[in-house]
Amino acid sequence: MLKRFIIIFLSGVCALVALTSCGENDLGGGIGEFTTVTATAVSQTNRLESDVLTGNVCSDTASTGGTFATDSINVNVTSKALFPAGSLDLLVSKITVKYIPVNPATTPPLPDFVINTSQTIQPGQTTQISVAVVPDAYKVALVSRSTQNLGLCSVDIFEYFVTIVFEMSEPGGNGKIKNVSANLNIAIADRTE
């Protein structure tokens, strides 16, 4: 009888610990929960068709002209107040763009792209944040790789699942830094004008 009581008691304690740890970092689904607000991030672009070399001219022999230009997209970051009064601002201090190749056998990996920033979002407000998702340096690297390179004037397409992670804190709150993310797909190719 005592063993059964101890097992039931410990099971209850474990369940309580598991339930109280829910929401520690976020509510799931890209929603960050802070002391006085929640935050969400939604990309305004579901799929970006990126041109690796903009304005180049393709001929039977070569590609001429053109520029490697950074591609950016807009993300709506929203802070929703949990209480009618006394809600605090959110501070976005870092943005990390993460890339996962859709087909790793034919598409090379890309390292995370980190952007340091300092942007404030007031409670109950949505702020549009422009995020560089395909930097010019990454385009140059994809074209100049010794293997798995993106051929200019070719039918090559490198496609990635992309997650944009916003590192946020609530100055004056509990001091914890939390991540809120938005997603999109990016297809990089040498697109004809």
C-alpha atoms as a PDB file:
ATOM      1  CA  MET A   1       0.000   0.000   0.000  1.00  0.00           C
ATOM      2  CA  LEU A   2       2.817   2.388   0.895  1.00  0.00           C
ATOM      3  CA  LYS A   3       4.642   1.577  -2.363  1.00  0.00           C
ATOM      4  CA  ARG A   4       1.503   2.314  -4.357  1.00  0.00           C
ATOM      5  CA  PHE A   5       1.054   5.644  -2.553  1.00  0.00           C
ATOM      6  CA  ILE A   6       4.686   6.618  -3.255  1.00  0.00           C
ATOM      7  CA  ILE A   7       4.377   5.675  -6.946  1.00  0.00           C
ATOM      8  CA  ILE A   8       1.140   7.672  -7.333  1.00  0.00           C
ATOM      9  CA  PHE A   9       2.649  10.617  -5.424  1.00  0.00           C
ATOM     10  CA  LEU A  10       5.819  10.649  -7.556  1.00  0.00           C
ATOM     11  CA  SER A  11       3.760  10.333 -10.759  1.00  0.00           C
ATOM     12  CA  GLY A  12       1.721  13.346  -9.700  1.00  0.00           C
ATOM     13  CA  VAL A  13       4.865  15.351  -8.907  1.00  0.00           C
ATOM     14  CA  CYS A  14       6.363  14.462 -12.309  1.00  0.00           C
ATOM     15  CA  ALA A  15       3.158  15.483 -14.087  1.00  0.00           C
ATOM     16  CA  LEU A  16       3.062  18.772 -12.161  1.00  0.00           C
ATOM     17  CA  VAL A  17       6.702  19.523 -13.042  1.00  0.00           C
ATOM     18  CA  ALA A  18       6.038  18.752 -16.712  1.00  0.00           C
ATOM     19  CA  LEU A  19       2.982  21.002 -16.819  1.00  0.00           C
ATOM     20  CA  THR A  20       4.606  23.927 -14.999  1.00  0.00           C
ATOM     21  CA  SER A  21       7.547  23.883 -17.402  1.00  0.00           C
ATOM     22  CA  CYS A  22       5.206  24.377 -20.395  1.00  0.00           C
ATOM     23  CA  GLY A  23       5.558  27.797 -21.964  1.00  0.00           C
ATOM     24  CA  GLU A  24       8.982  28.442 -20.480  1.00  0.00           C
ATOM     25  CA  ASN A  25      10.437  29.576 -23.793  1.00  0.00           C
ATOM     26  CA  ASP A  26       7.390  29.869 -26.034  1.00  0.00           C
ATOM     27  CA  LEU A  27       3.852  28.714 -26.527  1.00  0.00           C
ATOM     28  CA  GLY A  28       4.719  26.685 -29.615  1.00  0.00           C
ATOM     29  CA  GLY A  29       4.088  27.481 -33.250  1.00  0.00           C
ATOM     30  CA  GLY A  30       6.424  30.479 -33.278  1.00  0.00           C
ATOM     31  CA  ILE A  31       4.698  32.344 -30.416  1.00  0.00           C
ATOM     32  CA  GLY A  32       6.973  33.757 -27.718  1.00  0.00           C
ATOM     33  CA  GLU A  33       5.494  34.342 -24.262  1.00  0.00           C
ATOM     34  CA  PHE A  34       7.058  37.076 -22.147  1.00  0.00           C
ATOM     35  CA  THR A  35       6.090  38.607 -18.792  1.00  0.00           C
ATOM     36  CA  THR A  36       3.475  41.055 -20.127  1.00  0.00           C
ATOM     37  CA  VAL A  37       3.166  40.304 -23.888  1.00  0.00           C
ATOM     38  CA  THR A  38       3.260  37.514 -26.450  1.00  0.00           C
ATOM     39  CA  ALA A  39       5.039  37.860 -29.802  1.00  0.00           C
ATOM     40  CA  THR A  40       4.580  36.352 -33.249  1.00  0.00           C
ATOM     41  CA  ALA A  41       6.481  36.690 -36.526  1.00  0.00           C
ATOM     42  CA  VAL A  42       4.961  36.110 -39.978  1.00  0.00           C
ATOM     43  CA  SER A  43       6.846  36.358 -43.269  1.00  0.00           C
ATOM     44  CA  GLN A  44       5.079  38.411 -45.940  1.00  0.00           C
ATOM     45  CA  THR A  45       6.724  36.131 -48.523  1.00  0.00           C
ATOM     46  CA  ASN A  46       5.984  32.399 -48.611  1.00  0.00           C
ATOM     47  CA  ARG A  47       8.388  31.624 -51.460  1.00  0.00           C
ATOM     48  CA  LEU A  48      11.165  33.877 -52.744  1.00  0.00           C
ATOM     49  CA  GLU A  49      12.478  33.200 -56.238  1.00  0.00           C
ATOM     50  CA  SER A  50      15.934  34.715 -55.969  1.00  0.00           C
ATOM     51  CA  ASP A  51      17.989  35.728 -59.004  1.00  0.00           C
ATOM     52  CA  VAL A  52      21.619  34.830 -58.292  1.00  0.00           C
ATOM     53  CA  LEU A  53      22.964  37.356 -60.854  1.00  0.00           C
ATOM     54  CA  THR A  54      20.626  40.213 -61.691  1.00  0.00           C
ATOM     55  CA  GLY A  55      20.794  41.860 -65.119  1.00  0.00           C
ATOM     56  CA  ASN A  56      23.280  39.511 -66.785  1.00  0.00           C
ATOM     57  CA  VAL A  57      23.020  38.582 -70.456  1.00  0.00           C
ATOM     58  CA  CYS A  58      23.273  34.936 -71.477  1.00  0.00           C
ATOM     59  CA  SER A  59      24.705  33.892 -74.828  1.00  0.00           C
ATOM     60  CA  ASP A  60      25.760  30.555 -76.306  1.00  0.00           C
ATOM     61  CA  THR A  61      29.259  31.064 -74.939  1.00  0.00           C
ATOM     62  CA  ALA A  62      28.988  32.922 -71.600  1.00  0.00           C
ATOM     63  CA  SER A  63      27.161  35.133 -69.163  1.00  0.00           C
ATOM     64  CA  THR A  64      28.089  38.817 -69.270  1.00  0.00           C
ATOM     65  CA  GLY A  65      27.303  41.737 -66.991  1.00  0.00           C
ATOM     66  CA  GLY A  66      24.969  41.678 -64.038  1.00  0.00           C
ATOM     67  CA  THR A  67      25.324  42.209 -60.292  1.00  0.00           C
ATOM     68  CA  PHE A  68      25.111  40.061 -57.194  1.00  0.00           C
ATOM     69  CA  ALA A  69      22.445  41.823 -55.114  1.00  0.00           C
ATOM     70  CA  THR A  70      21.175  40.962 -51.635  1.00  0.00           C
ATOM     71  CA  ASP A  71      17.540  39.801 -51.458  1.00  0.00           C
ATOM     72  CA  SER A  72      15.454  40.947 -48.505  1.00  0.00           C
ATOM     73  CA  ILE A  73      11.915  40.181 -47.389  1.00  0.00           C
ATOM     74  CA  ASN A  74       9.567  41.811 -44.880  1.00  0.00           C
ATOM     75  CA  VAL A  75       8.411  40.072 -41.715  1.00  0.00           C
ATOM     76  CA  ASN A  76       5.539  41.309 -39.548  1.00  0.00           C
ATOM     77  CA  VAL A  77       6.504  41.029 -35.890  1.00  0.00           C
ATOM     78  CA  THR A  78       3.559  41.551 -33.541  1.00  0.00           C
ATOM     79  CA  SER A  79       3.537  42.180 -29.803  1.00  0.00           C
ATOM     80  CA  LYS A  80       0.193  41.385 -28.137  1.00  0.00           C
ATOM     81  CA  ALA A  81      -0.433  42.729 -24.640  1.00  0.00           C
ATOM     82  CA  LEU A  82      -1.478  40.162 -22.035  1.00  0.00           C
ATOM     83  CA  PHE A  83      -2.937  42.828 -19.722  1.00  0.00           C
ATOM     84  CA  PRO A  84      -4.961  46.008 -20.368  1.00  0.00           C
ATOM     85  CA  ALA A  85      -2.259  48.212 -18.797  1.00  0.00           C
ATOM     86  CA  GLY A  86       1.392  48.019 -17.828  1.00  0.00           C
ATOM     87  CA  SER A  87       2.644  45.939 -20.775  1.00  0.00           C
ATOM     88  CA  LEU A  88       6.298  46.340 -21.713  1.00  0.00           C
ATOM     89  CA  ASP A  89       8.096  46.880 -25.013  1.00  0.00           C
ATOM     90  CA  LEU A  90       9.946  44.053 -26.754  1.00  0.00           C
ATOM     91  CA  LEU A  91      13.515  44.442 -27.963  1.00  0.00           C
ATOM     92  CA  VAL A  92      14.748  42.485 -31.013  1.00  0.00           C
ATOM     93  CA  SER A  93      18.527  42.192 -30.554  1.00  0.00           C
ATOM     94  CA  LYS A  94      19.507  39.560 -33.114  1.00  0.00           C
ATOM     95  CA  ILE A  95      18.083  37.932 -36.239  1.00  0.00           C
ATOM     96  CA  THR A  96      19.401  34.569 -37.460  1.00  0.00           C
ATOM     97  CA  VAL A  97      18.509  33.170 -40.883  1.00  0.00           C
ATOM     98  CA  LYS A  98      18.822  29.355 -41.024  1.00  0.00           C
ATOM     99  CA  TYR A  99      18.870  27.348 -44.271  1.00  0.00           C
ATOM    100  CA  ILE A 100      18.020  23.667 -44.825  1.00  0.00           C
ATOM    101  CA  PRO A 101      18.493  22.361 -48.388  1.00  0.00           C
ATOM    102  CA  VAL A 102      15.292  20.865 -49.797  1.00  0.00           C
ATOM    103  CA  ASN A 103      17.422  18.281 -51.633  1.00  0.00           C
ATOM    104  CA  PRO A 104      20.810  17.900 -49.869  1.00  0.00           C
ATOM    105  CA  ALA A 105      22.112  15.589 -52.618  1.00  0.00           C
ATOM    106  CA  THR A 106      22.037  18.394 -55.203  1.00  0.00           C
ATOM    107  CA  THR A 107      21.925  21.574 -53.111  1.00  0.00           C
ATOM    108  CA  PRO A 108      24.883  22.703 -50.988  1.00  0.00           C
ATOM    109  CA  PRO A 109      24.425  23.761 -47.363  1.00  0.00           C
ATOM    110  CA  LEU A 110      24.529  27.430 -46.395  1.00  0.00           C
ATOM    111  CA  PRO A 111      25.743  28.691 -43.018  1.00  0.00           C
ATOM    112  CA  ASP A 112      23.440  30.643 -40.732  1.00  0.00           C
ATOM    113  CA  PHE A 113      23.338  34.360 -41.534  1.00  0.00           C
ATOM    114  CA  VAL A 114      23.335  36.503 -38.380  1.00  0.00           C
ATOM    115  CA  ILE A 115      22.156  40.120 -38.225  1.00  0.00           C
ATOM    116  CA  ASN A 116      22.747  42.175 -35.076  1.00  0.00           C
ATOM    117  CA  THR A 117      20.026  44.758 -34.565  1.00  0.00           C
ATOM    118  CA  SER A 118      18.217  46.823 -31.970  1.00  0.00           C
ATOM    119  CA  GLN A 119      14.534  47.284 -32.781  1.00  0.00           C
ATOM    120  CA  THR A 120      11.771  48.022 -30.309  1.00  0.00           C
ATOM    121  CA  ILE A 121       8.178  46.807 -30.670  1.00  0.00           C
ATOM    122  CA  GLN A 122       5.539  48.407 -28.497  1.00  0.00           C
ATOM    123  CA  PRO A 123       2.747  46.324 -26.920  1.00  0.00           C
ATOM    124  CA  GLY A 124      -0.228  45.893 -29.228  1.00  0.00           C
ATOM    125  CA  GLN A 125       1.811  46.952 -32.273  1.00  0.00           C
ATOM    126  CA  THR A 126       2.989  45.199 -35.437  1.00  0.00           C
ATOM    127  CA  THR A 127       6.369  46.242 -36.786  1.00  0.00           C
ATOM    128  CA  GLN A 128       7.523  45.364 -40.289  1.00  0.00           C
ATOM    129  CA  ILE A 129      11.164  44.260 -40.198  1.00  0.00           C
ATOM    130  CA  SER A 130      13.173  43.931 -43.405  1.00  0.00           C
ATOM    131  CA  VAL A 131      15.457  40.874 -43.273  1.00  0.00           C
ATOM    132  CA  ALA A 132      18.279  40.079 -45.703  1.00  0.00           C
ATOM    133  CA  VAL A 133      17.621  36.420 -46.527  1.00  0.00           C
ATOM    134  CA  VAL A 134      19.997  35.883 -49.479  1.00  0.00           C
ATOM    135  CA  PRO A 135      23.110  38.045 -48.998  1.00  0.00           C
ATOM    136  CA  ASP A 136      25.205  38.926 -52.047  1.00  0.00           C
ATOM    137  CA  ALA A 137      28.207  37.109 -50.543  1.00  0.00           C
ATOM    138  CA  TYR A 138      26.187  33.854 -50.423  1.00  0.00           C
ATOM    139  CA  LYS A 139      25.277  34.243 -54.091  1.00  0.00           C
ATOM    140  CA  VAL A 140      28.939  34.730 -55.042  1.00  0.00           C
ATOM    141  CA  ALA A 141      29.865  31.666 -52.971  1.00  0.00           C
ATOM    142  CA  LEU A 142      27.190  29.500 -54.637  1.00  0.00           C
ATOM    143  CA  VAL A 143      28.426  30.434 -58.113  1.00  0.00           C
ATOM    144  CA  SER A 144      32.136  30.034 -57.339  1.00  0.00           C
ATOM    145  CA  ARG A 145      32.080  26.726 -55.425  1.00  0.00           C
ATOM    146  CA  SER A 146      34.369  24.034 -56.833  1.00  0.00           C
ATOM    147  CA  THR A 147      31.609  21.422 -56.464  1.00  0.00           C
ATOM    148  CA  GLN A 148      27.824  21.796 -56.343  1.00  0.00           C
ATOM    149  CA  ASN A 149      28.085  25.262 -57.849  1.00  0.00           C
ATOM    150  CA  LEU A 150      25.170  27.189 -59.309  1.00  0.00           C
ATOM    151  CA  GLY A 151      25.820  27.550 -63.032  1.00  0.00           C
ATOM    152  CA  LEU A 152      25.096  30.909 -64.603  1.00  0.00           C
ATOM    153  CA  CYS A 153      22.742  30.761 -67.609  1.00  0.00           C
ATOM    154  CA  SER A 154      21.755  27.228 -66.569  1.00  0.00           C
ATOM    155  CA  VAL A 155      18.639  25.475 -65.330  1.00  0.00           C
ATOM    156  CA  ASP A 156      20.180  24.925 -61.875  1.00  0.00           C
ATOM    157  CA  ILE A 157      17.906  25.746 -58.943  1.00  0.00           C
ATOM    158  CA  PHE A 158      18.969  25.533 -55.296  1.00  0.00           C
ATOM    159  CA  GLU A 159      15.966  25.462 -52.974  1.00  0.00           C
ATOM    160  CA  TYR A 160      15.994  25.907 -49.188  1.00  0.00           C
ATOM    161  CA  PHE A 161      13.582  25.725 -46.268  1.00  0.00           C
ATOM    162  CA  VAL A 162      14.364  28.920 -44.358  1.00  0.00           C
ATOM    163  CA  THR A 163      13.660  29.846 -40.749  1.00  0.00           C
ATOM    164  CA  ILE A 164      14.142  33.422 -39.577  1.00  0.00           C
ATOM    165  CA  VAL A 165      14.721  33.511 -35.818  1.00  0.00           C
ATOM    166  CA  PHE A 166      14.158  36.758 -33.926  1.00  0.00           C
ATOM    167  CA  GLU A 167      15.971  36.881 -30.582  1.00  0.00           C
ATOM    168  CA  MET A 168      13.853  39.016 -28.238  1.00  0.00           C
ATOM    169  CA  SER A 169      13.749  40.212 -24.674  1.00  0.00           C
ATOM    170  CA  GLU A 170      11.367  42.304 -22.621  1.00  0.00           C
ATOM    171  CA  PRO A 171      13.403  45.054 -20.911  1.00  0.00           C
ATOM    172  CA  GLY A 172      11.947  45.468 -17.435  1.00  0.00           C
ATOM    173  CA  GLY A 173      10.419  41.970 -17.493  1.00  0.00           C
ATOM    174  CA  ASN A 174      11.924  38.717 -16.256  1.00  0.00           C
ATOM    175  CA  GLY A 175      15.138  39.247 -18.256  1.00  0.00           C
ATOM    176  CA  LYS A 176      14.836  36.076 -20.324  1.00  0.00           C
ATOM    177  CA  ILE A 177      15.771  36.043 -24.001  1.00  0.00           C
ATOM    178  CA  LYS A 178      13.383  34.075 -26.214  1.00  0.00           C
ATOM    179  CA  ASN A 179      13.209  33.153 -29.888  1.00  0.00           C
ATOM    180  CA  VAL A 180      10.263  33.796 -32.195  1.00  0.00           C
ATOM    181  CA  SER A 181      10.456  32.440 -35.751  1.00  0.00           C
ATOM    182  CA  ALA A 182       8.990  32.911 -39.219  1.00  0.00           C
ATOM    183  CA  ASN A 183       9.351  30.546 -42.199  1.00  0.00           C
ATOM    184  CA  LEU A 184       9.571  30.656 -45.988  1.00  0.00           C
ATOM    185  CA  ASN A 185      11.055  28.786 -48.960  1.00  0.00           C
ATOM    186  CA  ILE A 186      13.804  30.259 -51.133  1.00  0.00           C
ATOM    187  CA  ALA A 187      14.686  29.070 -54.650  1.00  0.00           C
ATOM    188  CA  ILE A 188      17.958  30.481 -56.032  1.00  0.00           C
ATOM    189  CA  ALA A 189      18.670  30.328 -59.778  1.00  0.00           C
ATOM    190  CA  ASP A 190      20.067  32.460 -62.600  1.00  0.00           C
ATOM    191  CA  ARG A 191      16.734  33.766 -63.793  1.00  0.00           C
ATOM    192  CA  THR A 192      16.302  35.263 -67.258  1.00  0.00           C
ATOM    193  CA  GLU A 193      15.197  38.880 -67.442  1.00  0.00           C
END
